[in-house]
Amino acid sequence: MKILLRDLDNTGFGNLALMKLSAWHKAKGDQVYLDQAAEWDKCFVSCVFTYNINANTYPPDADQGGWGFKLRAELPNEIEHTKPDYFLYGHDPGVSMGFTSRGCIRHCPWCSVPEKEGGIQPWASIYEFWDGVHPRIKLLDNNLLASPNWRDTMDDLLREQVKVDFNQGLDIRLVTDEVAWYLRRINIYPVLRFSFDEWALYRSVEEGISTLSAAGITISQLQFYVLLGHKLDADEDYARLMFLQEKGCSIFPMIYVDSYGVKHPPLPGRLPGKMRGHRDGIRKLARLKGIVP
């Protein structure tokens, strides 16, 4: 059977669901093609961001999946727990990626994770998706520290000493001395990620930074995703950026984009001078109309 896989987002990040479908079908002896094929027997199309659906064409009879099409789309269990085909995009990315937990205990108004995945639940160990060779793991858990299996995941990472990127960020509100002990000893790469999306969290952020620092973690190694534009409050946005800068943390600005792909940039205002953090994100932020770096 000839299988065509279409990645409508094409972000360069790699579509995990398509990589699992590829591995499962190849194991059955099927031929798998990515994005283009002269002919095929079955097509799977995946889209994470809704606004990419209208910008692409795909066979009308394709099996559709991904958050862009429907929040509750799920792979069959035997495919979901298949080790991904890391060569689907034509090269070895050098990094394994996957989930050890799904869902979240929070209900942030800008986030659809609870609606899609429900409450927090253990999902897999790193050995389900780590190929044992890649020097890095990209964990996609939305709130690992809230999951009952977080210690198991940390123990596995500590034992293997494989470099790990908590890509979606850890919940700073759940950082304890025990969590900090693990994070001090795990091989973090490239930075230790958290988020600071509204000013109401500033005490938790401050306490978390203090706990991590006391455990021996360098403050400059901490990076915070900072959601901007959601509340249309320039002063609040500026306060969070300034707070992190004064603490010496790295900043990753995130401009709020609604489900229609419309960006909601911060209202005209200032930016802290010489912000330290994600260069491309900071440059894009500085270029937005009305923002003075």
C-alpha atoms as a PDB file:
ATOM      1  CA  MET A   1       0.000   0.000   0.000  1.00  0.00           C
ATOM      2  CA  LYS A   2       1.182   3.536  -0.802  1.00  0.00           C
ATOM      3  CA  ILE A   3       0.690   6.047   2.013  1.00  0.00           C
ATOM      4  CA  LEU A   4       0.814   9.817   1.480  1.00  0.00           C
ATOM      5  CA  LEU A   5       1.403  12.038   4.532  1.00  0.00           C
ATOM      6  CA  ARG A   6       0.726  15.787   4.329  1.00  0.00           C
ATOM      7  CA  ASP A   7       2.108  18.230   6.884  1.00  0.00           C
ATOM      8  CA  LEU A   8       0.129  21.458   6.407  1.00  0.00           C
ATOM      9  CA  ASP A   9       2.115  23.418   8.987  1.00  0.00           C
ATOM     10  CA  ASN A  10       5.595  22.610   7.685  1.00  0.00           C
ATOM     11  CA  THR A  11       7.173  24.500  10.575  1.00  0.00           C
ATOM     12  CA  GLY A  12      10.438  22.568  10.496  1.00  0.00           C
ATOM     13  CA  PHE A  13       9.613  21.270  13.978  1.00  0.00           C
ATOM     14  CA  GLY A  14       8.362  17.960  12.608  1.00  0.00           C
ATOM     15  CA  ASN A  15       4.859  16.547  12.994  1.00  0.00           C
ATOM     16  CA  LEU A  16       4.940  13.861  15.659  1.00  0.00           C
ATOM     17  CA  ALA A  17       1.667  12.197  14.617  1.00  0.00           C
ATOM     18  CA  LEU A  18       2.847  11.843  11.019  1.00  0.00           C
ATOM     19  CA  MET A  19       6.184  10.413  12.181  1.00  0.00           C
ATOM     20  CA  LYS A  20       4.312   7.769  14.172  1.00  0.00           C
ATOM     21  CA  LEU A  21       2.037   6.968  11.242  1.00  0.00           C
ATOM     22  CA  SER A  22       5.099   6.631   9.033  1.00  0.00           C
ATOM     23  CA  ALA A  23       6.825   4.222  11.417  1.00  0.00           C
ATOM     24  CA  TRP A  24       3.688   2.099  11.833  1.00  0.00           C
ATOM     25  CA  HIS A  25       2.995   1.806   8.104  1.00  0.00           C
ATOM     26  CA  LYS A  26       6.637   1.128   7.214  1.00  0.00           C
ATOM     27  CA  ALA A  27       6.658  -1.678   9.779  1.00  0.00           C
ATOM     28  CA  LYS A  28       3.722  -3.209   7.844  1.00  0.00           C
ATOM     29  CA  GLY A  29       5.706  -3.016   4.604  1.00  0.00           C
ATOM     30  CA  ASP A  30       3.854  -0.010   3.163  1.00  0.00           C
ATOM     31  CA  GLN A  31       5.532   2.685   1.081  1.00  0.00           C
ATOM     32  CA  VAL A  32       5.369   6.104   2.742  1.00  0.00           C
ATOM     33  CA  TYR A  33       5.637   9.483   0.990  1.00  0.00           C
ATOM     34  CA  LEU A  34       5.760  12.913   2.595  1.00  0.00           C
ATOM     35  CA  ASP A  35       3.793  15.812   1.042  1.00  0.00           C
ATOM     36  CA  GLN A  36       4.038  14.649  -2.603  1.00  0.00           C
ATOM     37  CA  ALA A  37       3.383  11.453  -4.514  1.00  0.00           C
ATOM     38  CA  ALA A  38       2.234  10.642  -8.049  1.00  0.00           C
ATOM     39  CA  GLU A  39      -0.305   8.161  -6.694  1.00  0.00           C
ATOM     40  CA  TRP A  40      -1.362   6.790  -3.342  1.00  0.00           C
ATOM     41  CA  ASP A  41      -3.850   4.434  -1.752  1.00  0.00           C
ATOM     42  CA  LYS A  42      -4.454   6.382   1.460  1.00  0.00           C
ATOM     43  CA  CYS A  43      -3.636   9.920   2.559  1.00  0.00           C
ATOM     44  CA  PHE A  44      -3.282  11.333   6.058  1.00  0.00           C
ATOM     45  CA  VAL A  45      -3.205  15.102   6.493  1.00  0.00           C
ATOM     46  CA  SER A  46      -2.271  16.805   9.748  1.00  0.00           C
ATOM     47  CA  CYS A  47      -2.528  20.442  10.821  1.00  0.00           C
ATOM     48  CA  VAL A  48      -1.842  21.945  14.239  1.00  0.00           C
ATOM     49  CA  PHE A  49      -2.645  25.578  13.458  1.00  0.00           C
ATOM     50  CA  THR A  50      -6.132  26.280  12.070  1.00  0.00           C
ATOM     51  CA  TYR A  51      -4.979  29.146   9.874  1.00  0.00           C
ATOM     52  CA  ASN A  52      -2.761  26.810   7.833  1.00  0.00           C
ATOM     53  CA  ILE A  53      -5.717  24.756   6.572  1.00  0.00           C
ATOM     54  CA  ASN A  54      -6.966  27.349   4.071  1.00  0.00           C
ATOM     55  CA  ALA A  55      -3.407  28.097   2.940  1.00  0.00           C
ATOM     56  CA  ASN A  56      -2.851  24.550   1.696  1.00  0.00           C
ATOM     57  CA  THR A  57      -4.440  22.026  -0.618  1.00  0.00           C
ATOM     58  CA  TYR A  58      -4.937  18.355   0.183  1.00  0.00           C
ATOM     59  CA  PRO A  59      -6.996  15.448  -1.139  1.00  0.00           C
ATOM     60  CA  PRO A  60     -10.667  15.810  -0.143  1.00  0.00           C
ATOM     61  CA  ASP A  61     -10.844  12.168   0.968  1.00  0.00           C
ATOM     62  CA  ALA A  62      -7.775  12.450   3.216  1.00  0.00           C
ATOM     63  CA  ASP A  63      -7.936  11.240   6.804  1.00  0.00           C
ATOM     64  CA  GLN A  64      -7.705  14.527   8.741  1.00  0.00           C
ATOM     65  CA  GLY A  65      -6.061  14.987  12.125  1.00  0.00           C
ATOM     66  CA  GLY A  66      -4.355  17.515  14.343  1.00  0.00           C
ATOM     67  CA  TRP A  67      -5.605  20.397  16.477  1.00  0.00           C
ATOM     68  CA  GLY A  68      -6.207  22.540  13.385  1.00  0.00           C
ATOM     69  CA  PHE A  69      -8.943  20.195  12.178  1.00  0.00           C
ATOM     70  CA  LYS A  70     -10.404  18.959  15.440  1.00  0.00           C
ATOM     71  CA  LEU A  71      -9.241  19.270  19.029  1.00  0.00           C
ATOM     72  CA  ARG A  72     -10.159  15.746  20.037  1.00  0.00           C
ATOM     73  CA  ALA A  73      -8.474  13.959  17.113  1.00  0.00           C
ATOM     74  CA  GLU A  74      -6.465  10.983  18.359  1.00  0.00           C
ATOM     75  CA  LEU A  75      -4.344   8.280  16.807  1.00  0.00           C
ATOM     76  CA  PRO A  76      -5.294   4.647  17.406  1.00  0.00           C
ATOM     77  CA  ASN A  77      -3.573   3.452  20.562  1.00  0.00           C
ATOM     78  CA  GLU A  78      -1.202   1.063  18.757  1.00  0.00           C
ATOM     79  CA  ILE A  79       0.022   3.917  16.532  1.00  0.00           C
ATOM     80  CA  GLU A  80       0.135   6.520  19.303  1.00  0.00           C
ATOM     81  CA  HIS A  81       2.588   4.374  21.235  1.00  0.00           C
ATOM     82  CA  THR A  82       4.820   3.582  18.260  1.00  0.00           C
ATOM     83  CA  LYS A  83       8.384   4.931  18.217  1.00  0.00           C
ATOM     84  CA  PRO A  84       8.383   7.806  15.665  1.00  0.00           C
ATOM     85  CA  ASP A  85      10.090   7.617  12.275  1.00  0.00           C
ATOM     86  CA  TYR A  86      12.724  10.294  12.813  1.00  0.00           C
ATOM     87  CA  PHE A  87      13.872  10.048   9.176  1.00  0.00           C
ATOM     88  CA  LEU A  88      10.466  10.984   7.724  1.00  0.00           C
ATOM     89  CA  TYR A  89      11.648  14.490   6.838  1.00  0.00           C
ATOM     90  CA  GLY A  90      14.701  13.209   4.983  1.00  0.00           C
ATOM     91  CA  HIS A  91      17.342  13.554   7.659  1.00  0.00           C
ATOM     92  CA  ASP A  92      18.108  12.507  11.198  1.00  0.00           C
ATOM     93  CA  PRO A  93      17.148  15.467  13.442  1.00  0.00           C
ATOM     94  CA  GLY A  94      19.482  14.276  16.194  1.00  0.00           C
ATOM     95  CA  VAL A  95      16.702  14.613  18.756  1.00  0.00           C
ATOM     96  CA  SER A  96      13.918  12.316  19.944  1.00  0.00           C
ATOM     97  CA  MET A  97      10.625  13.825  21.008  1.00  0.00           C
ATOM     98  CA  GLY A  98       7.435  12.794  22.706  1.00  0.00           C
ATOM     99  CA  PHE A  99       5.177  12.960  25.752  1.00  0.00           C
ATOM    100  CA  THR A 100       5.532  11.282  29.133  1.00  0.00           C
ATOM    101  CA  SER A 101       2.277  12.893  30.276  1.00  0.00           C
ATOM    102  CA  ARG A 102      -0.763  14.471  28.623  1.00  0.00           C
ATOM    103  CA  GLY A 103      -3.236  17.113  29.741  1.00  0.00           C
ATOM    104  CA  CYS A 104      -2.970  19.867  32.334  1.00  0.00           C
ATOM    105  CA  ILE A 105      -4.409  20.863  35.702  1.00  0.00           C
ATOM    106  CA  ARG A 106      -4.627  24.549  34.703  1.00  0.00           C
ATOM    107  CA  HIS A 107      -7.374  26.218  32.674  1.00  0.00           C
ATOM    108  CA  CYS A 108      -5.618  29.229  31.154  1.00  0.00           C
ATOM    109  CA  PRO A 109      -8.065  31.174  28.924  1.00  0.00           C
ATOM    110  CA  TRP A 110      -5.619  31.289  26.003  1.00  0.00           C
ATOM    111  CA  CYS A 111      -4.848  27.552  26.013  1.00  0.00           C
ATOM    112  CA  SER A 112      -6.839  24.656  24.486  1.00  0.00           C
ATOM    113  CA  VAL A 113      -4.848  21.824  26.101  1.00  0.00           C
ATOM    114  CA  PRO A 114      -7.432  20.989  28.822  1.00  0.00           C
ATOM    115  CA  GLU A 115     -10.194  20.891  26.209  1.00  0.00           C
ATOM    116  CA  LYS A 116      -8.172  18.651  23.912  1.00  0.00           C
ATOM    117  CA  GLU A 117      -6.375  16.379  26.354  1.00  0.00           C
ATOM    118  CA  GLY A 118      -8.370  16.684  29.571  1.00  0.00           C
ATOM    119  CA  GLY A 119      -6.875  16.455  33.032  1.00  0.00           C
ATOM    120  CA  ILE A 120      -3.319  15.395  33.651  1.00  0.00           C
ATOM    121  CA  GLN A 121      -2.424  11.730  33.136  1.00  0.00           C
ATOM    122  CA  PRO A 122       0.727   9.636  32.749  1.00  0.00           C
ATOM    123  CA  TRP A 123       1.346   8.697  29.122  1.00  0.00           C
ATOM    124  CA  ALA A 124       4.661   6.936  28.483  1.00  0.00           C
ATOM    125  CA  SER A 125       8.257   6.605  29.564  1.00  0.00           C
ATOM    126  CA  ILE A 126      11.070   8.263  27.617  1.00  0.00           C
ATOM    127  CA  TYR A 127      12.041   4.814  26.318  1.00  0.00           C
ATOM    128  CA  GLU A 128       8.907   4.670  24.188  1.00  0.00           C
ATOM    129  CA  PHE A 129      10.101   7.502  21.910  1.00  0.00           C
ATOM    130  CA  TRP A 130      13.831   7.897  22.652  1.00  0.00           C
ATOM    131  CA  ASP A 131      15.814   5.856  20.159  1.00  0.00           C
ATOM    132  CA  GLY A 132      18.682   5.310  22.606  1.00  0.00           C
ATOM    133  CA  VAL A 133      21.099   7.009  20.201  1.00  0.00           C
ATOM    134  CA  HIS A 134      19.974  10.617  19.925  1.00  0.00           C
ATOM    135  CA  PRO A 135      21.944  12.796  22.354  1.00  0.00           C
ATOM    136  CA  ARG A 136      18.878  14.990  22.994  1.00  0.00           C
ATOM    137  CA  ILE A 137      15.245  14.549  23.989  1.00  0.00           C
ATOM    138  CA  LYS A 138      12.572  17.181  23.414  1.00  0.00           C
ATOM    139  CA  LEU A 139       9.805  16.628  25.951  1.00  0.00           C
ATOM    140  CA  LEU A 140       6.438  17.973  24.786  1.00  0.00           C
ATOM    141  CA  ASP A 141       4.552  17.536  28.075  1.00  0.00           C
ATOM    142  CA  ASN A 142       2.267  20.462  28.810  1.00  0.00           C
ATOM    143  CA  ASN A 143       2.585  20.206  32.589  1.00  0.00           C
ATOM    144  CA  LEU A 144       4.995  17.444  33.516  1.00  0.00           C
ATOM    145  CA  LEU A 145       5.365  18.439  37.173  1.00  0.00           C
ATOM    146  CA  ALA A 146       1.619  17.998  37.728  1.00  0.00           C
ATOM    147  CA  SER A 147       1.654  14.410  36.479  1.00  0.00           C
ATOM    148  CA  PRO A 148       1.791  11.457  38.916  1.00  0.00           C
ATOM    149  CA  ASN A 149       4.737  10.000  36.953  1.00  0.00           C
ATOM    150  CA  TRP A 150       6.959  13.103  37.008  1.00  0.00           C
ATOM    151  CA  ARG A 151       9.480  11.478  39.358  1.00  0.00           C
ATOM    152  CA  ASP A 152       9.719   8.406  37.113  1.00  0.00           C
ATOM    153  CA  THR A 153      10.480  10.666  34.147  1.00  0.00           C
ATOM    154  CA  MET A 154      13.055  12.626  36.125  1.00  0.00           C
ATOM    155  CA  ASP A 155      14.698   9.409  37.355  1.00  0.00           C
ATOM    156  CA  ASP A 156      14.975   8.122  33.776  1.00  0.00           C
ATOM    157  CA  LEU A 157      16.509  11.404  32.591  1.00  0.00           C
ATOM    158  CA  LEU A 158      18.886  11.447  35.530  1.00  0.00           C
ATOM    159  CA  ARG A 159      19.982   7.868  34.894  1.00  0.00           C
ATOM    160  CA  GLU A 160      20.532   8.309  31.155  1.00  0.00           C
ATOM    161  CA  GLN A 161      22.010  11.841  31.330  1.00  0.00           C
ATOM    162  CA  VAL A 162      20.660  12.471  27.834  1.00  0.00           C
ATOM    163  CA  LYS A 163      20.255  16.201  27.150  1.00  0.00           C
ATOM    164  CA  VAL A 164      16.648  17.279  27.685  1.00  0.00           C
ATOM    165  CA  ASP A 165      14.617  20.264  26.569  1.00  0.00           C
ATOM    166  CA  PHE A 166      11.364  20.745  28.519  1.00  0.00           C
ATOM    167  CA  ASN A 167      10.098  22.401  25.380  1.00  0.00           C
ATOM    168  CA  GLN A 168       6.628  23.462  26.515  1.00  0.00           C
ATOM    169  CA  GLY A 169       7.951  24.799  29.796  1.00  0.00           C
ATOM    170  CA  LEU A 170       7.614  23.591  33.372  1.00  0.00           C
ATOM    171  CA  ASP A 171       5.070  25.012  35.821  1.00  0.00           C
ATOM    172  CA  ILE A 172       6.976  27.417  38.082  1.00  0.00           C
ATOM    173  CA  ARG A 173       4.151  27.103  40.656  1.00  0.00           C
ATOM    174  CA  LEU A 174       5.044  23.446  41.172  1.00  0.00           C
ATOM    175  CA  VAL A 175       8.772  23.950  41.758  1.00  0.00           C
ATOM    176  CA  THR A 176       9.754  22.547  45.165  1.00  0.00           C
ATOM    177  CA  ASP A 177      13.098  21.750  46.739  1.00  0.00           C
ATOM    178  CA  GLU A 178      12.739  18.196  45.419  1.00  0.00           C
ATOM    179  CA  VAL A 179      11.999  19.385  41.885  1.00  0.00           C
ATOM    180  CA  ALA A 180      14.963  21.770  42.047  1.00  0.00           C
ATOM    181  CA  TRP A 181      17.201  18.905  43.218  1.00  0.00           C
ATOM    182  CA  TYR A 182      16.339  16.937  40.087  1.00  0.00           C
ATOM    183  CA  LEU A 183      16.678  19.902  37.739  1.00  0.00           C
ATOM    184  CA  ARG A 184      20.123  20.699  39.148  1.00  0.00           C
ATOM    185  CA  ARG A 185      21.327  17.194  38.232  1.00  0.00           C
ATOM    186  CA  ILE A 186      19.551  16.513  34.944  1.00  0.00           C
ATOM    187  CA  ASN A 187      21.382  17.407  31.729  1.00  0.00           C
ATOM    188  CA  ILE A 188      19.343  20.461  30.639  1.00  0.00           C
ATOM    189  CA  TYR A 189      19.685  21.708  27.059  1.00  0.00           C
ATOM    190  CA  PRO A 190      19.670  24.472  25.955  1.00  0.00           C
ATOM    191  CA  VAL A 191      17.878  26.275  28.811  1.00  0.00           C
ATOM    192  CA  LEU A 192      15.428  25.496  31.590  1.00  0.00           C
ATOM    193  CA  ARG A 193      12.033  26.738  30.396  1.00  0.00           C
ATOM    194  CA  PHE A 194       9.098  28.124  32.379  1.00  0.00           C
ATOM    195  CA  SER A 195       6.367  30.670  31.631  1.00  0.00           C
ATOM    196  CA  PHE A 196       5.201  33.976  33.086  1.00  0.00           C
ATOM    197  CA  ASP A 197       1.964  34.757  31.272  1.00  0.00           C
ATOM    198  CA  GLU A 198       0.183  37.081  33.694  1.00  0.00           C
ATOM    199  CA  TRP A 199       1.289  39.397  36.464  1.00  0.00           C
ATOM    200  CA  ALA A 200      -0.810  37.556  39.067  1.00  0.00           C
ATOM    201  CA  LEU A 201       1.879  34.829  39.027  1.00  0.00           C
ATOM    202  CA  TYR A 202       4.755  37.098  39.983  1.00  0.00           C
ATOM    203  CA  ARG A 203       5.059  35.800  43.563  1.00  0.00           C
ATOM    204  CA  SER A 204       5.184  32.193  42.330  1.00  0.00           C
ATOM    205  CA  VAL A 205       7.788  33.188  39.740  1.00  0.00           C
ATOM    206  CA  GLU A 206       9.861  34.974  42.359  1.00  0.00           C
ATOM    207  CA  GLU A 207       9.668  32.067  44.806  1.00  0.00           C
ATOM    208  CA  GLY A 208      10.454  29.533  42.073  1.00  0.00           C
ATOM    209  CA  ILE A 209      13.512  31.464  40.929  1.00  0.00           C
ATOM    210  CA  SER A 210      14.701  31.654  44.532  1.00  0.00           C
ATOM    211  CA  THR A 211      14.228  27.898  45.066  1.00  0.00           C
ATOM    212  CA  LEU A 212      16.082  27.027  41.854  1.00  0.00           C
ATOM    213  CA  SER A 213      18.897  29.419  42.670  1.00  0.00           C
ATOM    214  CA  ALA A 214      19.276  27.972  46.178  1.00  0.00           C
ATOM    215  CA  ALA A 215      19.647  24.523  44.574  1.00  0.00           C
ATOM    216  CA  GLY A 216      22.635  25.768  42.574  1.00  0.00           C
ATOM    217  CA  ILE A 217      20.953  26.480  39.229  1.00  0.00           C
ATOM    218  CA  THR A 218      22.346  29.548  37.475  1.00  0.00           C
ATOM    219  CA  ILE A 219      19.694  32.243  37.028  1.00  0.00           C
ATOM    220  CA  SER A 220      20.822  32.998  33.480  1.00  0.00           C
ATOM    221  CA  GLN A 221      19.985  29.386  32.583  1.00  0.00           C
ATOM    222  CA  LEU A 222      16.299  30.064  33.303  1.00  0.00           C
ATOM    223  CA  GLN A 223      14.174  31.099  30.331  1.00  0.00           C
ATOM    224  CA  PHE A 224      10.576  32.272  30.578  1.00  0.00           C
ATOM    225  CA  TYR A 225       7.965  32.244  27.843  1.00  0.00           C
ATOM    226  CA  VAL A 226       6.133  35.563  28.194  1.00  0.00           C
ATOM    227  CA  LEU A 227       2.706  35.799  26.553  1.00  0.00           C
ATOM    228  CA  LEU A 228       2.119  39.328  25.278  1.00  0.00           C
ATOM    229  CA  GLY A 229      -0.980  41.030  23.898  1.00  0.00           C
ATOM    230  CA  HIS A 230      -3.611  38.679  25.318  1.00  0.00           C
ATOM    231  CA  LYS A 231      -4.971  41.193  27.826  1.00  0.00           C
ATOM    232  CA  LEU A 232      -4.215  44.288  25.711  1.00  0.00           C
ATOM    233  CA  ASP A 233      -2.462  45.787  28.711  1.00  0.00           C
ATOM    234  CA  ALA A 234       0.891  47.313  27.745  1.00  0.00           C
ATOM    235  CA  ASP A 235       1.810  48.208  31.340  1.00  0.00           C
ATOM    236  CA  GLU A 236       1.224  44.633  32.509  1.00  0.00           C
ATOM    237  CA  ASP A 237       3.243  43.228  29.617  1.00  0.00           C
ATOM    238  CA  TYR A 238       6.073  45.645  30.325  1.00  0.00           C
ATOM    239  CA  ALA A 239       6.045  44.854  34.051  1.00  0.00           C
ATOM    240  CA  ARG A 240       6.592  41.133  33.439  1.00  0.00           C
ATOM    241  CA  LEU A 241       9.398  41.742  30.952  1.00  0.00           C
ATOM    242  CA  MET A 242      11.085  44.186  33.308  1.00  0.00           C
ATOM    243  CA  PHE A 243      10.672  41.850  36.295  1.00  0.00           C
ATOM    244  CA  LEU A 244      12.455  39.009  34.506  1.00  0.00           C
ATOM    245  CA  GLN A 245      15.165  41.268  33.162  1.00  0.00           C
ATOM    246  CA  GLU A 246      15.923  42.596  36.632  1.00  0.00           C
ATOM    247  CA  LYS A 247      16.117  39.025  37.912  1.00  0.00           C
ATOM    248  CA  GLY A 248      18.640  38.145  35.180  1.00  0.00           C
ATOM    249  CA  CYS A 249      16.453  35.539  33.461  1.00  0.00           C
ATOM    250  CA  SER A 250      16.295  34.847  29.730  1.00  0.00           C
ATOM    251  CA  ILE A 251      13.111  36.041  27.975  1.00  0.00           C
ATOM    252  CA  PHE A 252      11.203  34.359  25.137  1.00  0.00           C
ATOM    253  CA  PRO A 253       8.436  36.774  24.065  1.00  0.00           C
ATOM    254  CA  MET A 254       5.315  35.096  22.660  1.00  0.00           C
ATOM    255  CA  ILE A 255       2.822  37.256  20.762  1.00  0.00           C
ATOM    256  CA  TYR A 256      -0.739  36.051  21.308  1.00  0.00           C
ATOM    257  CA  VAL A 257      -2.272  34.566  18.141  1.00  0.00           C
ATOM    258  CA  ASP A 258      -5.941  33.617  18.167  1.00  0.00           C
ATOM    259  CA  SER A 259      -7.432  30.511  16.533  1.00  0.00           C
ATOM    260  CA  TYR A 260      -7.936  32.450  13.285  1.00  0.00           C
ATOM    261  CA  GLY A 261      -4.254  33.263  12.976  1.00  0.00           C
ATOM    262  CA  VAL A 262      -4.714  36.918  13.940  1.00  0.00           C
ATOM    263  CA  LYS A 263      -1.841  38.326  15.973  1.00  0.00           C
ATOM    264  CA  HIS A 264      -2.670  40.495  18.960  1.00  0.00           C
ATOM    265  CA  PRO A 265       0.523  42.504  19.519  1.00  0.00           C
ATOM    266  CA  PRO A 266       0.987  44.500  22.714  1.00  0.00           C
ATOM    267  CA  LEU A 267      -0.386  48.003  22.743  1.00  0.00           C
ATOM    268  CA  PRO A 268       2.140  50.760  21.982  1.00  0.00           C
ATOM    269  CA  GLY A 269       4.632  50.986  24.804  1.00  0.00           C
ATOM    270  CA  ARG A 270       8.188  50.458  25.863  1.00  0.00           C
ATOM    271  CA  LEU A 271      10.512  47.500  25.952  1.00  0.00           C
ATOM    272  CA  PRO A 272      13.210  47.018  28.565  1.00  0.00           C
ATOM    273  CA  GLY A 273      16.548  47.941  27.037  1.00  0.00           C
ATOM    274  CA  LYS A 274      18.935  45.164  26.002  1.00  0.00           C
ATOM    275  CA  MET A 275      16.599  42.294  26.798  1.00  0.00           C
ATOM    276  CA  ARG A 276      18.421  38.999  27.167  1.00  0.00           C
ATOM    277  CA  GLY A 277      16.816  35.923  25.671  1.00  0.00           C
ATOM    278  CA  HIS A 278      15.535  34.428  22.431  1.00  0.00           C
ATOM    279  CA  ARG A 279      17.044  36.713  19.777  1.00  0.00           C
ATOM    280  CA  ASP A 280      14.551  36.179  16.974  1.00  0.00           C
ATOM    281  CA  GLY A 281      11.591  36.583  19.304  1.00  0.00           C
ATOM    282  CA  ILE A 282      12.963  39.796  20.766  1.00  0.00           C
ATOM    283  CA  ARG A 283      13.731  41.220  17.319  1.00  0.00           C
ATOM    284  CA  LYS A 284      10.211  40.460  16.083  1.00  0.00           C
ATOM    285  CA  LEU A 285       8.755  42.074  19.168  1.00  0.00           C
ATOM    286  CA  ALA A 286      10.875  45.192  18.724  1.00  0.00           C
ATOM    287  CA  ARG A 287       9.741  45.529  15.117  1.00  0.00           C
ATOM    288  CA  LEU A 288       6.043  45.625  15.975  1.00  0.00           C
ATOM    289  CA  LYS A 289       4.448  48.966  15.256  1.00  0.00           C
ATOM    290  CA  GLY A 290       4.475  51.347  18.205  1.00  0.00           C
ATOM    291  CA  ILE A 291       7.046  49.465  20.278  1.00  0.00           C
ATOM    292  CA  VAL A 292      10.180  51.402  21.167  1.00  0.00           C
ATOM    293  CA  PRO A 293      13.199  49.200  22.015  1.00  0.00           C
END
